[in-house]
Amino acid sequence: MAAGHSVDPARWLATFDQVMARIAGRSGRVEPRASARAYLLGLLSKAERKNCWQPGRTVTSA
C-alpha cells in the first residue's frame, strides 16, 4: 500500500497545524510564521521542482 493512501489528509493537516502552533512562539510576528508554514507545505507538496523559492510560491499561489 502506498503511503499516500494510508494517511488521512484531514488528520495530517491537523497534526501539522499542531506542530506549527508549537513553534509559533519562536517568531513574534505572524508574517514569518505564515511564510514558514507555506514553505514547509510547499516542500511537502507534489510540486515537480523544489528550489529555494518554489515551495512557498506553490502553496501561496494556489
N, C-alpha and C. Protein backbone atom coordinates (compact mmCIF):
# COMPACT_ATOMS: atom_id res chain seq x y z
N MET A 1 0.85 -1.17 0.00
CA MET A 1 0.00 0.00 0.00
C MET A 1 0.90 1.23 0.00
N ALA A 2 0.59 2.18 -0.85
CA ALA A 2 1.36 3.42 -0.92
C ALA A 2 1.07 4.28 0.30
N ALA A 3 2.08 5.02 0.73
CA ALA A 3 1.93 5.86 1.93
C ALA A 3 0.83 6.89 1.76
N GLY A 4 0.66 7.43 0.56
CA GLY A 4 -0.36 8.44 0.33
C GLY A 4 -1.77 7.93 0.55
N HIS A 5 -1.96 6.63 0.41
CA HIS A 5 -3.29 6.05 0.59
C HIS A 5 -3.56 5.66 2.03
N SER A 6 -2.56 5.67 2.87
CA SER A 6 -2.74 5.25 4.25
C SER A 6 -2.82 6.43 5.22
N VAL A 7 -2.74 7.66 4.70
CA VAL A 7 -2.75 8.84 5.54
C VAL A 7 -4.04 9.62 5.33
N ASP A 8 -4.71 9.91 6.42
CA ASP A 8 -5.93 10.73 6.35
C ASP A 8 -5.50 12.19 6.21
N PRO A 9 -5.81 12.84 5.09
CA PRO A 9 -5.34 14.22 4.87
C PRO A 9 -5.80 15.21 5.95
N ALA A 10 -7.03 15.07 6.41
CA ALA A 10 -7.53 15.99 7.43
C ALA A 10 -6.76 15.81 8.74
N ARG A 11 -6.48 14.56 9.08
CA ARG A 11 -5.73 14.30 10.32
C ARG A 11 -4.29 14.78 10.19
N TRP A 12 -3.70 14.57 9.01
CA TRP A 12 -2.33 15.02 8.77
C TRP A 12 -2.24 16.53 8.90
N LEU A 13 -3.19 17.25 8.29
CA LEU A 13 -3.17 18.71 8.35
C LEU A 13 -3.39 19.20 9.77
N ALA A 14 -4.26 18.53 10.52
CA ALA A 14 -4.47 18.91 11.92
C ALA A 14 -3.18 18.73 12.73
N THR A 15 -2.48 17.64 12.50
CA THR A 15 -1.21 17.41 13.20
C THR A 15 -0.17 18.44 12.78
N PHE A 16 -0.12 18.76 11.49
CA PHE A 16 0.81 19.78 11.01
C PHE A 16 0.51 21.13 11.68
N ASP A 17 -0.77 21.48 11.78
CA ASP A 17 -1.15 22.73 12.44
C ASP A 17 -0.75 22.74 13.91
N GLN A 18 -0.84 21.59 14.57
CA GLN A 18 -0.41 21.49 15.97
C GLN A 18 1.09 21.74 16.09
N VAL A 19 1.86 21.17 15.18
CA VAL A 19 3.31 21.38 15.18
C VAL A 19 3.61 22.85 14.94
N MET A 20 2.94 23.46 13.98
CA MET A 20 3.16 24.88 13.69
C MET A 20 2.79 25.75 14.90
N ALA A 21 1.75 25.37 15.61
CA ALA A 21 1.35 26.12 16.80
C ALA A 21 2.43 26.02 17.89
N ARG A 22 3.08 24.87 17.98
CA ARG A 22 4.13 24.70 18.98
C ARG A 22 5.34 25.57 18.70
N ILE A 23 5.63 25.81 17.42
CA ILE A 23 6.81 26.62 17.09
C ILE A 23 6.45 28.08 16.83
N ALA A 24 5.17 28.42 16.92
CA ALA A 24 4.74 29.79 16.64
C ALA A 24 5.38 30.81 17.57
N GLY A 25 5.67 30.43 18.79
CA GLY A 25 6.26 31.34 19.77
C GLY A 25 7.69 31.75 19.43
N ARG A 26 8.29 31.09 18.48
CA ARG A 26 9.67 31.42 18.07
C ARG A 26 9.71 32.72 17.27
N SER A 27 8.57 33.13 16.77
CA SER A 27 8.51 34.35 15.97
C SER A 27 7.46 35.28 16.57
N GLY A 28 7.82 36.53 16.72
CA GLY A 28 6.90 37.49 17.31
C GLY A 28 5.85 38.03 16.35
N ARG A 29 6.09 37.83 15.06
CA ARG A 29 5.16 38.36 14.06
C ARG A 29 4.51 37.23 13.28
N VAL A 30 3.33 37.50 12.77
CA VAL A 30 2.57 36.48 12.05
C VAL A 30 3.13 36.24 10.64
N GLU A 31 3.74 37.23 10.03
CA GLU A 31 4.22 37.08 8.65
C GLU A 31 5.29 35.99 8.51
N PRO A 32 6.32 35.99 9.37
CA PRO A 32 7.32 34.91 9.26
C PRO A 32 6.72 33.52 9.52
N ARG A 33 5.75 33.45 10.43
CA ARG A 33 5.09 32.17 10.69
C ARG A 33 4.33 31.69 9.46
N ALA A 34 3.63 32.61 8.80
CA ALA A 34 2.87 32.25 7.60
C ALA A 34 3.82 31.82 6.49
N SER A 35 4.94 32.52 6.35
CA SER A 35 5.92 32.15 5.33
C SER A 35 6.52 30.78 5.61
N ALA A 36 6.85 30.51 6.87
CA ALA A 36 7.42 29.22 7.23
C ALA A 36 6.43 28.10 6.97
N ARG A 37 5.17 28.34 7.30
CA ARG A 37 4.13 27.33 7.06
C ARG A 37 3.98 27.06 5.57
N ALA A 38 3.92 28.12 4.77
CA ALA A 38 3.79 27.96 3.32
C ALA A 38 5.00 27.24 2.75
N TYR A 39 6.19 27.57 3.23
CA TYR A 39 7.40 26.94 2.74
C TYR A 39 7.41 25.44 3.05
N LEU A 40 7.08 25.09 4.28
CA LEU A 40 7.06 23.68 4.66
C LEU A 40 6.01 22.90 3.88
N LEU A 41 4.82 23.48 3.71
CA LEU A 41 3.80 22.80 2.92
C LEU A 41 4.25 22.66 1.47
N GLY A 42 4.97 23.66 0.97
CA GLY A 42 5.49 23.57 -0.38
C GLY A 42 6.52 22.46 -0.52
N LEU A 43 7.39 22.32 0.49
CA LEU A 43 8.38 21.24 0.45
C LEU A 43 7.71 19.86 0.47
N LEU A 44 6.60 19.78 1.16
CA LEU A 44 5.89 18.51 1.28
C LEU A 44 4.89 18.28 0.15
N SER A 45 4.76 19.23 -0.74
CA SER A 45 3.79 19.12 -1.83
C SER A 45 4.29 18.19 -2.92
N LYS A 46 3.45 18.01 -3.91
CA LYS A 46 3.81 17.17 -5.05
C LYS A 46 4.38 18.00 -6.19
N ALA A 47 4.82 19.20 -5.90
CA ALA A 47 5.41 20.06 -6.93
C ALA A 47 6.60 19.36 -7.55
N GLU A 48 6.72 19.49 -8.86
CA GLU A 48 7.79 18.81 -9.57
C GLU A 48 9.16 19.37 -9.21
N ARG A 49 9.27 20.70 -9.13
CA ARG A 49 10.55 21.34 -8.82
C ARG A 49 10.48 21.97 -7.45
N LYS A 50 11.55 21.82 -6.70
CA LYS A 50 11.60 22.39 -5.35
C LYS A 50 12.97 23.03 -5.16
N ASN A 51 13.06 24.32 -5.48
CA ASN A 51 14.30 25.05 -5.23
C ASN A 51 14.06 26.01 -4.07
N CYS A 52 14.88 27.00 -3.88
CA CYS A 52 14.80 27.84 -2.68
C CYS A 52 13.53 28.68 -2.60
N TRP A 53 12.87 29.00 -3.69
CA TRP A 53 11.68 29.85 -3.61
C TRP A 53 10.42 29.14 -4.08
N GLN A 54 10.52 28.09 -4.81
CA GLN A 54 9.35 27.41 -5.37
C GLN A 54 8.39 26.84 -4.32
N PRO A 55 8.86 26.21 -3.25
CA PRO A 55 7.91 25.60 -2.31
C PRO A 55 6.89 26.58 -1.73
N GLY A 56 7.32 27.73 -1.26
CA GLY A 56 6.39 28.71 -0.72
C GLY A 56 5.47 29.28 -1.76
N ARG A 57 5.98 29.49 -2.94
CA ARG A 57 5.19 30.05 -4.03
C ARG A 57 4.11 29.06 -4.48
N THR A 58 4.41 27.79 -4.47
CA THR A 58 3.47 26.76 -4.89
C THR A 58 2.22 26.81 -4.02
N VAL A 59 2.41 26.97 -2.73
CA VAL A 59 1.28 26.96 -1.80
C VAL A 59 0.54 28.29 -1.82
N THR A 60 1.27 29.40 -1.80
CA THR A 60 0.60 30.69 -1.69
C THR A 60 -0.09 31.11 -2.96
N SER A 61 0.32 30.59 -4.11
CA SER A 61 -0.33 30.97 -5.35
C SER A 61 -1.52 30.09 -5.68
N ALA A 62 -1.72 29.04 -4.92
CA ALA A 62 -2.81 28.10 -5.22
C ALA A 62 -4.14 28.63 -4.71
